[in-house]
Amino acid sequence: MAWIWLTLAILLEVAGTTAMKFSDGFTNLVPTLLVAVFYTSSFSLLILVMKTLDLSLAYAVWAGVGTALVATIGILWFKEPVTALKMISIGLIIIGVVGLHLSNGRA
């Protein structure tokens, strides 16, 4: 169940970060409120996840997968430039998260 909660926490964090972009420096009310709701929900779920999963694994997966997803959204939705370095960096984030998961010894 912890992995389901962690997945939801990641999606909420990504939604919050995307809402940040739409908040236009916290000048648009609805996206600004969504940032608060999404991040509060994401952190609440992350706290629950850490009751079961190790801190290092839970946070690394949350931050790493969230970062990779946000970078992908930036490329696909906001038309940010795609560079070889950016793609390699996203790949390294994913490799690092997988490595931490494998090193945990509990699949």
PDB file of N, CA and C in Angstrom:
ATOM      1  N   MET A   1       0.823  -1.202   0.000  1.00  0.00           N
ATOM      2  CA  MET A   1       0.000   0.000   0.000  1.00  0.00           C
ATOM      3  C   MET A   1       0.866   1.264   0.000  1.00  0.00           C
ATOM      4  N   ALA A   2       2.042   1.184   0.630  1.00  0.00           N
ATOM      5  CA  ALA A   2       2.921   2.350   0.692  1.00  0.00           C
ATOM      6  C   ALA A   2       3.313   2.833  -0.699  1.00  0.00           C
ATOM      7  N   TRP A   3       3.508   1.901  -1.618  1.00  0.00           N
ATOM      8  CA  TRP A   3       3.903   2.290  -2.975  1.00  0.00           C
ATOM      9  C   TRP A   3       2.770   2.998  -3.717  1.00  0.00           C
ATOM     10  N   ILE A   4       1.554   2.619  -3.425  1.00  0.00           N
ATOM     11  CA  ILE A   4       0.399   3.314  -4.033  1.00  0.00           C
ATOM     12  C   ILE A   4       0.329   4.739  -3.498  1.00  0.00           C
ATOM     13  N   TRP A   5       0.492   4.883  -2.173  1.00  0.00           N
ATOM     14  CA  TRP A   5       0.477   6.221  -1.567  1.00  0.00           C
ATOM     15  C   TRP A   5       1.641   7.064  -2.087  1.00  0.00           C
ATOM     16  N   LEU A   6       2.803   6.430  -2.266  1.00  0.00           N
ATOM     17  CA  LEU A   6       3.958   7.162  -2.772  1.00  0.00           C
ATOM     18  C   LEU A   6       3.717   7.627  -4.207  1.00  0.00           C
ATOM     19  N   THR A   7       3.125   6.780  -5.012  1.00  0.00           N
ATOM     20  CA  THR A   7       2.794   7.167  -6.391  1.00  0.00           C
ATOM     21  C   THR A   7       1.844   8.352  -6.404  1.00  0.00           C
ATOM     22  N   LEU A   8       0.826   8.319  -5.570  1.00  0.00           N
ATOM     23  CA  LEU A   8      -0.111   9.431  -5.481  1.00  0.00           C
ATOM     24  C   LEU A   8       0.583  10.695  -4.969  1.00  0.00           C
ATOM     25  N   ALA A   9       1.476  10.545  -3.999  1.00  0.00           N
ATOM     26  CA  ALA A   9       2.225  11.699  -3.482  1.00  0.00           C
ATOM     27  C   ALA A   9       3.068  12.328  -4.582  1.00  0.00           C
ATOM     28  N   ILE A  10       3.673  11.497  -5.418  1.00  0.00           N
ATOM     29  CA  ILE A  10       4.484  12.009  -6.534  1.00  0.00           C
ATOM     30  C   ILE A  10       3.604  12.772  -7.521  1.00  0.00           C
ATOM     31  N   LEU A  11       2.469  12.186  -7.873  1.00  0.00           N
ATOM     32  CA  LEU A  11       1.572  12.849  -8.835  1.00  0.00           C
ATOM     33  C   LEU A  11       1.051  14.176  -8.293  1.00  0.00           C
ATOM     34  N   LEU A  12       0.766  14.230  -6.999  1.00  0.00           N
ATOM     35  CA  LEU A  12       0.322  15.489  -6.388  1.00  0.00           C
ATOM     36  C   LEU A  12       1.444  16.520  -6.371  1.00  0.00           C
ATOM     37  N   GLU A  13       2.657  16.076  -6.123  1.00  0.00           N
ATOM     38  CA  GLU A  13       3.802  16.998  -6.133  1.00  0.00           C
ATOM     39  C   GLU A  13       4.016  17.558  -7.536  1.00  0.00           C
ATOM     40  N   VAL A  14       3.904  16.716  -8.539  1.00  0.00           N
ATOM     41  CA  VAL A  14       4.052  17.154  -9.931  1.00  0.00           C
ATOM     42  C   VAL A  14       2.926  18.127 -10.289  1.00  0.00           C
ATOM     43  N   ALA A  15       1.716  17.833  -9.855  1.00  0.00           N
ATOM     44  CA  ALA A  15       0.590  18.744 -10.105  1.00  0.00           C
ATOM     45  C   ALA A  15       0.833  20.091  -9.421  1.00  0.00           C
ATOM     46  N   GLY A  16       1.370  20.065  -8.204  1.00  0.00           N
ATOM     47  CA  GLY A  16       1.664  21.301  -7.490  1.00  0.00           C
ATOM     48  C   GLY A  16       2.731  22.129  -8.186  1.00  0.00           C
ATOM     49  N   THR A  17       3.746  21.461  -8.676  1.00  0.00           N
ATOM     50  CA  THR A  17       4.814  22.177  -9.382  1.00  0.00           C
ATOM     51  C   THR A  17       4.301  22.761 -10.695  1.00  0.00           C
ATOM     52  N   THR A  18       3.463  22.009 -11.383  1.00  0.00           N
ATOM     53  CA  THR A  18       2.875  22.511 -12.623  1.00  0.00           C
ATOM     54  C   THR A  18       1.954  23.694 -12.330  1.00  0.00           C
ATOM     55  N   ALA A  19       1.192  23.614 -11.247  1.00  0.00           N
ATOM     56  CA  ALA A  19       0.335  24.732 -10.851  1.00  0.00           C
ATOM     57  C   ALA A  19       1.157  25.973 -10.539  1.00  0.00           C
ATOM     58  N   MET A  20       2.379  25.770 -10.013  1.00  0.00           N
ATOM     59  CA  MET A  20       3.281  26.900  -9.754  1.00  0.00           C
ATOM     60  C   MET A  20       3.550  27.685 -11.029  1.00  0.00           C
ATOM     61  N   LYS A  21       3.774  26.965 -12.107  1.00  0.00           N
ATOM     62  CA  LYS A  21       4.035  27.611 -13.396  1.00  0.00           C
ATOM     63  C   LYS A  21       2.839  28.472 -13.806  1.00  0.00           C
ATOM     64  N   PHE A  22       1.628  27.917 -13.605  1.00  0.00           N
ATOM     65  CA  PHE A  22       0.416  28.646 -13.980  1.00  0.00           C
ATOM     66  C   PHE A  22       0.060  29.763 -13.007  1.00  0.00           C
ATOM     67  N   SER A  23       0.651  29.754 -11.808  1.00  0.00           N
ATOM     68  CA  SER A  23       0.328  30.784 -10.821  1.00  0.00           C
ATOM     69  C   SER A  23       0.920  32.140 -11.187  1.00  0.00           C
ATOM     70  N   ASP A  24       1.870  32.137 -12.118  1.00  0.00           N
ATOM     71  CA  ASP A  24       2.498  33.381 -12.583  1.00  0.00           C
ATOM     72  C   ASP A  24       3.021  34.197 -11.404  1.00  0.00           C
ATOM     73  N   GLY A  25       3.902  33.555 -10.639  1.00  0.00           N
ATOM     74  CA  GLY A  25       4.496  34.241  -9.490  1.00  0.00           C
ATOM     75  C   GLY A  25       3.487  34.503  -8.397  1.00  0.00           C
ATOM     76  N   PHE A  26       2.551  33.590  -8.218  1.00  0.00           N
ATOM     77  CA  PHE A  26       1.483  33.680  -7.217  1.00  0.00           C
ATOM     78  C   PHE A  26       0.560  34.873  -7.448  1.00  0.00           C
ATOM     79  N   THR A  27       0.398  35.270  -8.716  1.00  0.00           N
ATOM     80  CA  THR A  27      -0.524  36.363  -9.022  1.00  0.00           C
ATOM     81  C   THR A  27      -1.883  35.858  -9.498  1.00  0.00           C
ATOM     82  N   ASN A  28      -1.983  34.599  -9.897  1.00  0.00           N
ATOM     83  CA  ASN A  28      -3.262  33.995 -10.286  1.00  0.00           C
ATOM     84  C   ASN A  28      -3.775  33.166  -9.111  1.00  0.00           C
ATOM     85  N   LEU A  29      -4.961  33.505  -8.622  1.00  0.00           N
ATOM     86  CA  LEU A  29      -5.474  32.940  -7.378  1.00  0.00           C
ATOM     87  C   LEU A  29      -5.690  31.425  -7.443  1.00  0.00           C
ATOM     88  N   VAL A  30      -6.392  30.929  -8.443  1.00  0.00           N
ATOM     89  CA  VAL A  30      -6.732  29.500  -8.473  1.00  0.00           C
ATOM     90  C   VAL A  30      -5.480  28.624  -8.528  1.00  0.00           C
ATOM     91  N   PRO A  31      -4.532  28.875  -9.450  1.00  0.00           N
ATOM     92  CA  PRO A  31      -3.327  28.047  -9.432  1.00  0.00           C
ATOM     93  C   PRO A  31      -2.535  28.172  -8.134  1.00  0.00           C
ATOM     94  N   THR A  32      -2.542  29.351  -7.533  1.00  0.00           N
ATOM     95  CA  THR A  32      -1.847  29.551  -6.258  1.00  0.00           C
ATOM     96  C   THR A  32      -2.469  28.685  -5.162  1.00  0.00           C
ATOM     97  N   LEU A  33      -3.794  28.653  -5.107  1.00  0.00           N
ATOM     98  CA  LEU A  33      -4.471  27.807  -4.131  1.00  0.00           C
ATOM     99  C   LEU A  33      -4.207  26.329  -4.408  1.00  0.00           C
ATOM    100  N   LEU A  34      -4.170  25.967  -5.691  1.00  0.00           N
ATOM    101  CA  LEU A  34      -3.893  24.577  -6.054  1.00  0.00           C
ATOM    102  C   LEU A  34      -2.485  24.154  -5.630  1.00  0.00           C
ATOM    103  N   VAL A  35      -1.522  25.071  -5.718  1.00  0.00           N
ATOM    104  CA  VAL A  35      -0.163  24.770  -5.251  1.00  0.00           C
ATOM    105  C   VAL A  35      -0.213  24.336  -3.786  1.00  0.00           C
ATOM    106  N   ALA A  36      -0.911  25.114  -2.970  1.00  0.00           N
ATOM    107  CA  ALA A  36      -0.999  24.815  -1.538  1.00  0.00           C
ATOM    108  C   ALA A  36      -1.710  23.481  -1.296  1.00  0.00           C
ATOM    109  N   VAL A  37      -2.803  23.250  -1.993  1.00  0.00           N
ATOM    110  CA  VAL A  37      -3.566  22.010  -1.801  1.00  0.00           C
ATOM    111  C   VAL A  37      -2.746  20.805  -2.245  1.00  0.00           C
ATOM    112  N   PHE A  38      -2.149  20.885  -3.431  1.00  0.00           N
ATOM    113  CA  PHE A  38      -1.400  19.749  -3.964  1.00  0.00           C
ATOM    114  C   PHE A  38      -0.172  19.435  -3.105  1.00  0.00           C
ATOM    115  N   TYR A  39       0.574  20.467  -2.708  1.00  0.00           N
ATOM    116  CA  TYR A  39       1.770  20.215  -1.903  1.00  0.00           C
ATOM    117  C   TYR A  39       1.425  19.717  -0.503  1.00  0.00           C
ATOM    118  N   THR A  40       0.398  20.277   0.117  1.00  0.00           N
ATOM    119  CA  THR A  40      -0.015  19.801   1.437  1.00  0.00           C
ATOM    120  C   THR A  40      -0.436  18.339   1.365  1.00  0.00           C
ATOM    121  N   SER A  41      -1.190  17.999   0.337  1.00  0.00           N
ATOM    122  CA  SER A  41      -1.626  16.611   0.161  1.00  0.00           C
ATOM    123  C   SER A  41      -0.442  15.696  -0.106  1.00  0.00           C
ATOM    124  N   SER A  42       0.477  16.151  -0.943  1.00  0.00           N
ATOM    125  CA  SER A  42       1.641  15.347  -1.281  1.00  0.00           C
ATOM    126  C   SER A  42       2.507  15.079  -0.049  1.00  0.00           C
ATOM    127  N   PHE A  43       2.796  16.119   0.714  1.00  0.00           N
ATOM    128  CA  PHE A  43       3.605  15.942   1.921  1.00  0.00           C
ATOM    129  C   PHE A  43       2.890  15.063   2.945  1.00  0.00           C
ATOM    130  N   SER A  44       1.587  15.193   3.061  1.00  0.00           N
ATOM    131  CA  SER A  44       0.837  14.361   4.004  1.00  0.00           C
ATOM    132  C   SER A  44       0.964  12.884   3.641  1.00  0.00           C
ATOM    133  N   LEU A  45       0.824  12.584   2.354  1.00  0.00           N
ATOM    134  CA  LEU A  45       0.983  11.191   1.924  1.00  0.00           C
ATOM    135  C   LEU A  45       2.419  10.716   2.112  1.00  0.00           C
ATOM    136  N   LEU A  46       3.386  11.588   1.832  1.00  0.00           N
ATOM    137  CA  LEU A  46       4.791  11.219   2.007  1.00  0.00           C
ATOM    138  C   LEU A  46       5.090  10.878   3.467  1.00  0.00           C
ATOM    139  N   ILE A  47       4.505  11.627   4.372  1.00  0.00           N
ATOM    140  CA  ILE A  47       4.675  11.339   5.797  1.00  0.00           C
ATOM    141  C   ILE A  47       4.131   9.956   6.129  1.00  0.00           C
ATOM    142  N   LEU A  48       2.976   9.624   5.577  1.00  0.00           N
ATOM    143  CA  LEU A  48       2.400   8.291   5.812  1.00  0.00           C
ATOM    144  C   LEU A  48       3.269   7.193   5.209  1.00  0.00           C
ATOM    145  N   VAL A  49       3.807   7.447   4.038  1.00  0.00           N
ATOM    146  CA  VAL A  49       4.676   6.469   3.371  1.00  0.00           C
ATOM    147  C   VAL A  49       5.905   6.180   4.217  1.00  0.00           C
ATOM    148  N   MET A  50       6.453   7.196   4.863  1.00  0.00           N
ATOM    149  CA  MET A  50       7.670   7.026   5.651  1.00  0.00           C
ATOM    150  C   MET A  50       7.457   6.209   6.923  1.00  0.00           C
ATOM    151  N   LYS A  51       6.206   5.913   7.245  1.00  0.00           N
ATOM    152  CA  LYS A  51       5.943   4.991   8.348  1.00  0.00           C
ATOM    153  C   LYS A  51       6.315   3.568   7.946  1.00  0.00           C
ATOM    154  N   THR A  52       6.308   3.287   6.642  1.00  0.00           N
ATOM    155  CA  THR A  52       6.570   1.941   6.132  1.00  0.00           C
ATOM    156  C   THR A  52       7.914   1.839   5.417  1.00  0.00           C
ATOM    157  N   LEU A  53       8.187   2.791   4.536  1.00  0.00           N
ATOM    158  CA  LEU A  53       9.424   2.749   3.739  1.00  0.00           C
ATOM    159  C   LEU A  53      10.522   3.563   4.411  1.00  0.00           C
ATOM    160  N   ASP A  54      11.764   3.186   4.164  1.00  0.00           N
ATOM    161  CA  ASP A  54      12.910   3.942   4.685  1.00  0.00           C
ATOM    162  C   ASP A  54      12.889   5.371   4.164  1.00  0.00           C
ATOM    163  N   LEU A  55      13.340   6.289   4.994  1.00  0.00           N
ATOM    164  CA  LEU A  55      13.408   7.706   4.628  1.00  0.00           C
ATOM    165  C   LEU A  55      14.175   7.906   3.328  1.00  0.00           C
ATOM    166  N   SER A  56      15.363   7.308   3.231  1.00  0.00           N
ATOM    167  CA  SER A  56      16.204   7.528   2.046  1.00  0.00           C
ATOM    168  C   SER A  56      15.518   7.046   0.774  1.00  0.00           C
ATOM    169  N   LEU A  57      14.853   5.930   0.844  1.00  0.00           N
ATOM    170  CA  LEU A  57      14.178   5.393  -0.331  1.00  0.00           C
ATOM    171  C   LEU A  57      12.939   6.210  -0.672  1.00  0.00           C
ATOM    172  N   ALA A  58      12.090   6.468   0.294  1.00  0.00           N
ATOM    173  CA  ALA A  58      10.839   7.193   0.049  1.00  0.00           C
ATOM    174  C   ALA A  58      11.108   8.582  -0.518  1.00  0.00           C
ATOM    175  N   TYR A  59      12.022   9.309   0.111  1.00  0.00           N
ATOM    176  CA  TYR A  59      12.279  10.671  -0.348  1.00  0.00           C
ATOM    177  C   TYR A  59      12.969  10.688  -1.702  1.00  0.00           C
ATOM    178  N   ALA A  60      13.911   9.782  -1.917  1.00  0.00           N
ATOM    179  CA  ALA A  60      14.606   9.740  -3.207  1.00  0.00           C
ATOM    180  C   ALA A  60      13.655   9.408  -4.341  1.00  0.00           C
ATOM    181  N   VAL A  61      12.765   8.467  -4.119  1.00  0.00           N
ATOM    182  CA  VAL A  61      11.790   8.124  -5.154  1.00  0.00           C
ATOM    183  C   VAL A  61      10.854   9.302  -5.387  1.00  0.00           C
ATOM    184  N   TRP A  62      10.348   9.901  -4.319  1.00  0.00           N
ATOM    185  CA  TRP A  62       9.431  11.036  -4.426  1.00  0.00           C
ATOM    186  C   TRP A  62      10.088  12.198  -5.186  1.00  0.00           C
ATOM    187  N   ALA A  63      11.279  12.565  -4.762  1.00  0.00           N
ATOM    188  CA  ALA A  63      11.965  13.705  -5.376  1.00  0.00           C
ATOM    189  C   ALA A  63      12.464  13.375  -6.780  1.00  0.00           C
ATOM    190  N   GLY A  64      13.055  12.203  -6.948  1.00  0.00           N
ATOM    191  CA  GLY A  64      13.641  11.842  -8.237  1.00  0.00           C
ATOM    192  C   GLY A  64      12.613  11.635  -9.322  1.00  0.00           C
ATOM    193  N   VAL A  65      11.605  10.842  -9.037  1.00  0.00           N
ATOM    194  CA  VAL A  65      10.567  10.602 -10.041  1.00  0.00           C
ATOM    195  C   VAL A  65       9.802  11.891 -10.309  1.00  0.00           C
ATOM    196  N   GLY A  66       9.528  12.651  -9.258  1.00  0.00           N
ATOM    197  CA  GLY A  66       8.860  13.946  -9.450  1.00  0.00           C
ATOM    198  C   GLY A  66       9.666  14.879 -10.341  1.00  0.00           C
ATOM    199  N   THR A  67      10.962  14.946 -10.108  1.00  0.00           N
ATOM    200  CA  THR A  67      11.836  15.792 -10.926  1.00  0.00           C
ATOM    201  C   THR A  67      11.845  15.337 -12.374  1.00  0.00           C
ATOM    202  N   ALA A  68      11.956  14.040 -12.598  1.00  0.00           N
ATOM    203  CA  ALA A  68      11.959  13.509 -13.965  1.00  0.00           C
ATOM    204  C   ALA A  68      10.631  13.802 -14.663  1.00  0.00           C
ATOM    205  N   LEU A  69       9.526  13.640 -13.938  1.00  0.00           N
ATOM    206  CA  LEU A  69       8.214  13.922 -14.536  1.00  0.00           C
ATOM    207  C   LEU A  69       8.035  15.407 -14.847  1.00  0.00           C
ATOM    208  N   VAL A  70       8.461  16.269 -13.936  1.00  0.00           N
ATOM    209  CA  VAL A  70       8.351  17.708 -14.165  1.00  0.00           C
ATOM    210  C   VAL A  70       9.212  18.127 -15.365  1.00  0.00           C
ATOM    211  N   ALA A  71      10.405  17.575 -15.468  1.00  0.00           N
ATOM    212  CA  ALA A  71      11.263  17.885 -16.620  1.00  0.00           C
ATOM    213  C   ALA A  71      10.595  17.425 -17.919  1.00  0.00           C
ATOM    214  N   THR A  72       9.966  16.259 -17.887  1.00  0.00           N
ATOM    215  CA  THR A  72       9.264  15.747 -19.064  1.00  0.00           C
ATOM    216  C   THR A  72       8.073  16.623 -19.412  1.00  0.00           C
ATOM    217  N   ILE A  73       7.321  17.051 -18.417  1.00  0.00           N
ATOM    218  CA  ILE A  73       6.197  17.966 -18.658  1.00  0.00           C
ATOM    219  C   ILE A  73       6.703  19.274 -19.258  1.00  0.00           C
ATOM    220  N   GLY A  74       7.827  19.771 -18.745  1.00  0.00           N
ATOM    221  CA  GLY A  74       8.406  21.001 -19.295  1.00  0.00           C
ATOM    222  C   GLY A  74       8.725  20.852 -20.775  1.00  0.00           C
ATOM    223  N   ILE A  75       9.247  19.711 -21.137  1.00  0.00           N
ATOM    224  CA  ILE A  75       9.602  19.466 -22.541  1.00  0.00           C
ATOM    225  C   ILE A  75       8.351  19.313 -23.403  1.00  0.00           C
ATOM    226  N   LEU A  76       7.417  18.476 -22.950  1.00  0.00           N
ATOM    227  CA  LEU A  76       6.259  18.147 -23.777  1.00  0.00           C
ATOM    228  C   LEU A  76       5.181  19.231 -23.787  1.00  0.00           C
ATOM    229  N   TRP A  77       4.899  19.817 -22.618  1.00  0.00           N
ATOM    230  CA  TRP A  77       3.782  20.735 -22.507  1.00  0.00           C
ATOM    231  C   TRP A  77       4.205  22.198 -22.677  1.00  0.00           C
ATOM    232  N   PHE A  78       5.325  22.553 -22.072  1.00  0.00           N
ATOM    233  CA  PHE A  78       5.756  23.949 -22.098  1.00  0.00           C
ATOM    234  C   PHE A  78       6.812  24.214 -23.164  1.00  0.00           C
ATOM    235  N   LYS A  79       7.087  23.185 -23.981  1.00  0.00           N
ATOM    236  CA  LYS A  79       7.993  23.311 -25.134  1.00  0.00           C
ATOM    237  C   LYS A  79       9.387  23.797 -24.744  1.00  0.00           C
ATOM    238  N   GLU A  80       9.875  23.335 -23.590  1.00  0.00           N
ATOM    239  CA  GLU A  80      11.236  23.654 -23.183  1.00  0.00           C
ATOM    240  C   GLU A  80      12.207  22.920 -24.108  1.00  0.00           C
ATOM    241  N   PRO A  81      13.392  23.457 -24.308  1.00  0.00           N
ATOM    242  CA  PRO A  81      14.335  22.810 -25.225  1.00  0.00           C
ATOM    243  C   PRO A  81      14.787  21.435 -24.722  1.00  0.00           C
ATOM    244  N   VAL A  82      14.936  20.537 -25.684  1.00  0.00           N
ATOM    245  CA  VAL A  82      15.435  19.191 -25.386  1.00  0.00           C
ATOM    246  C   VAL A  82      16.905  19.160 -25.786  1.00  0.00           C
ATOM    247  N   THR A  83      17.751  18.857 -24.824  1.00  0.00           N
ATOM    248  CA  THR A  83      19.177  18.732 -25.116  1.00  0.00           C
ATOM    249  C   THR A  83      19.643  17.348 -24.706  1.00  0.00           C
ATOM    250  N   ALA A  84      20.756  16.952 -25.259  1.00  0.00           N
ATOM    251  CA  ALA A  84      21.319  15.650 -24.894  1.00  0.00           C
ATOM    252  C   ALA A  84      21.627  15.616 -23.402  1.00  0.00           C
ATOM    253  N   LEU A  85      22.181  16.697 -22.875  1.00  0.00           N
ATOM    254  CA  LEU A  85      22.505  16.740 -21.448  1.00  0.00           C
ATOM    255  C   LEU A  85      21.254  16.611 -20.592  1.00  0.00           C
ATOM    256  N   LYS A  86      20.166  17.252 -21.003  1.00  0.00           N
ATOM    257  CA  LYS A  86      18.920  17.161 -20.244  1.00  0.00           C
ATOM    258  C   LYS A  86      18.403  15.717 -20.235  1.00  0.00           C
ATOM    259  N   MET A  87      18.427  15.063 -21.378  1.00  0.00           N
ATOM    260  CA  MET A  87      17.938  13.685 -21.474  1.00  0.00           C
ATOM    261  C   MET A  87      18.830  12.722 -20.669  1.00  0.00           C
ATOM    262  N   ILE A  88      20.132  12.924 -20.750  1.00  0.00           N
ATOM    263  CA  ILE A  88      21.061  12.094 -19.970  1.00  0.00           C
ATOM    264  C   ILE A  88      20.818  12.310 -18.478  1.00  0.00           C
ATOM    265  N   SER A  89      20.604  13.539 -18.088  1.00  0.00           N
ATOM    266  CA  SER A  89      20.373  13.859 -16.675  1.00  0.00           C
ATOM    267  C   SER A  89      19.091  13.218 -16.158  1.00  0.00           C
ATOM    268  N   ILE A  90      18.023  13.259 -16.942  1.00  0.00           N
ATOM    269  CA  ILE A  90      16.775  12.597 -16.555  1.00  0.00           C
ATOM    270  C   ILE A  90      17.020  11.095 -16.412  1.00  0.00           C
ATOM    271  N   GLY A  91      17.756  10.529 -17.345  1.00  0.00           N
ATOM    272  CA  GLY A  91      18.093   9.107 -17.272  1.00  0.00           C
ATOM    273  C   GLY A  91      18.884   8.770 -16.026  1.00  0.00           C
ATOM    274  N   LEU A  92      19.832   9.624 -15.664  1.00  0.00           N
ATOM    275  CA  LEU A  92      20.626   9.386 -14.454  1.00  0.00           C
ATOM    276  C   LEU A  92      19.779   9.467 -13.184  1.00  0.00           C
ATOM    277  N   ILE A  93      18.804  10.366 -13.183  1.00  0.00           N
ATOM    278  CA  ILE A  93      17.893  10.449 -12.037  1.00  0.00           C
ATOM    279  C   ILE A  93      17.150   9.128 -11.886  1.00  0.00           C
ATOM    280  N   ILE A  94      16.632   8.625 -12.998  1.00  0.00           N
ATOM    281  CA  ILE A  94      15.886   7.371 -12.964  1.00  0.00           C
ATOM    282  C   ILE A  94      16.788   6.217 -12.531  1.00  0.00           C
ATOM    283  N   ILE A  95      18.002   6.165 -13.063  1.00  0.00           N
ATOM    284  CA  ILE A  95      18.952   5.120 -12.666  1.00  0.00           C
ATOM    285  C   ILE A  95      19.250   5.212 -11.171  1.00  0.00           C
ATOM    286  N   GLY A  96      19.418   6.413 -10.660  1.00  0.00           N
ATOM    287  CA  GLY A  96      19.690   6.598  -9.233  1.00  0.00           C
ATOM    288  C   GLY A  96      18.543   6.127  -8.361  1.00  0.00           C
ATOM    289  N   VAL A  97      17.320   6.431  -8.751  1.00  0.00           N
ATOM    290  CA  VAL A  97      16.153   5.997  -7.983  1.00  0.00           C
ATOM    291  C   VAL A  97      16.041   4.473  -7.999  1.00  0.00           C
ATOM    292  N   VAL A  98      16.226   3.877  -9.174  1.00  0.00           N
ATOM    293  CA  VAL A  98      16.187   2.412  -9.275  1.00  0.00           C
ATOM    294  C   VAL A  98      17.298   1.805  -8.421  1.00  0.00           C
ATOM    295  N   GLY A  99      18.488   2.379  -8.473  1.00  0.00           N
ATOM    296  CA  GLY A  99      19.596   1.889  -7.664  1.00  0.00           C
ATOM    297  C   GLY A  99      19.309   1.927  -6.179  1.00  0.00           C
ATOM    298  N   LEU A 100      18.724   3.011  -5.709  1.00  0.00           N
ATOM    299  CA  LEU A 100      18.356   3.102  -4.290  1.00  0.00           C
ATOM    300  C   LEU A 100      17.316   2.059  -3.925  1.00  0.00           C
ATOM    301  N   HIS A 101      16.358   1.851  -4.807  1.00  0.00           N
ATOM    302  CA  HIS A 101      15.335   0.843  -4.553  1.00  0.00           C
ATOM    303  C   HIS A 101      15.950  -0.556  -4.463  1.00  0.00           C
ATOM    304  N   LEU A 102      16.832  -0.855  -5.404  1.00  0.00           N
ATOM    305  CA  LEU A 102      17.476  -2.172  -5.409  1.00  0.00           C
ATOM    306  C   LEU A 102      18.393  -2.361  -4.205  1.00  0.00           C
ATOM    307  N   SER A 103      19.043  -1.301  -3.761  1.00  0.00           N
ATOM    308  CA  SER A 103      19.969  -1.399  -2.633  1.00  0.00           C
ATOM    309  C   SER A 103      19.241  -1.578  -1.307  1.00  0.00           C
ATOM    310  N   ASN A 104      17.953  -1.302  -1.302  1.00  0.00           N
ATOM    311  CA  ASN A 104      17.152  -1.398  -0.092  1.00  0.00           C
ATOM    312  C   ASN A 104      16.983  -2.848   0.351  1.00  0.00           C
ATOM    313  N   GLY A 105      16.968  -3.766  -0.596  1.00  0.00           N
ATOM    314  CA  GLY A 105      16.843  -5.170  -0.266  1.00  0.00           C
ATOM    315  C   GLY A 105      15.421  -5.639  -0.057  1.00  0.00           C
ATOM    316  N   ARG A 106      14.458  -4.714  -0.059  1.00  0.00           N
ATOM    317  CA  ARG A 106      13.027  -5.056   0.074  1.00  0.00           C
ATOM    318  C   ARG A 106      12.294  -4.563  -1.150  1.00  0.00           C
ATOM    319  N   ALA A 107      11.941  -5.450  -2.037  1.00  0.00           N
ATOM    320  CA  ALA A 107      11.291  -5.055  -3.300  1.00  0.00           C
ATOM    321  C   ALA A 107       9.855  -4.729  -3.112  1.00  0.00           C
TER     322      ALA A 107
END
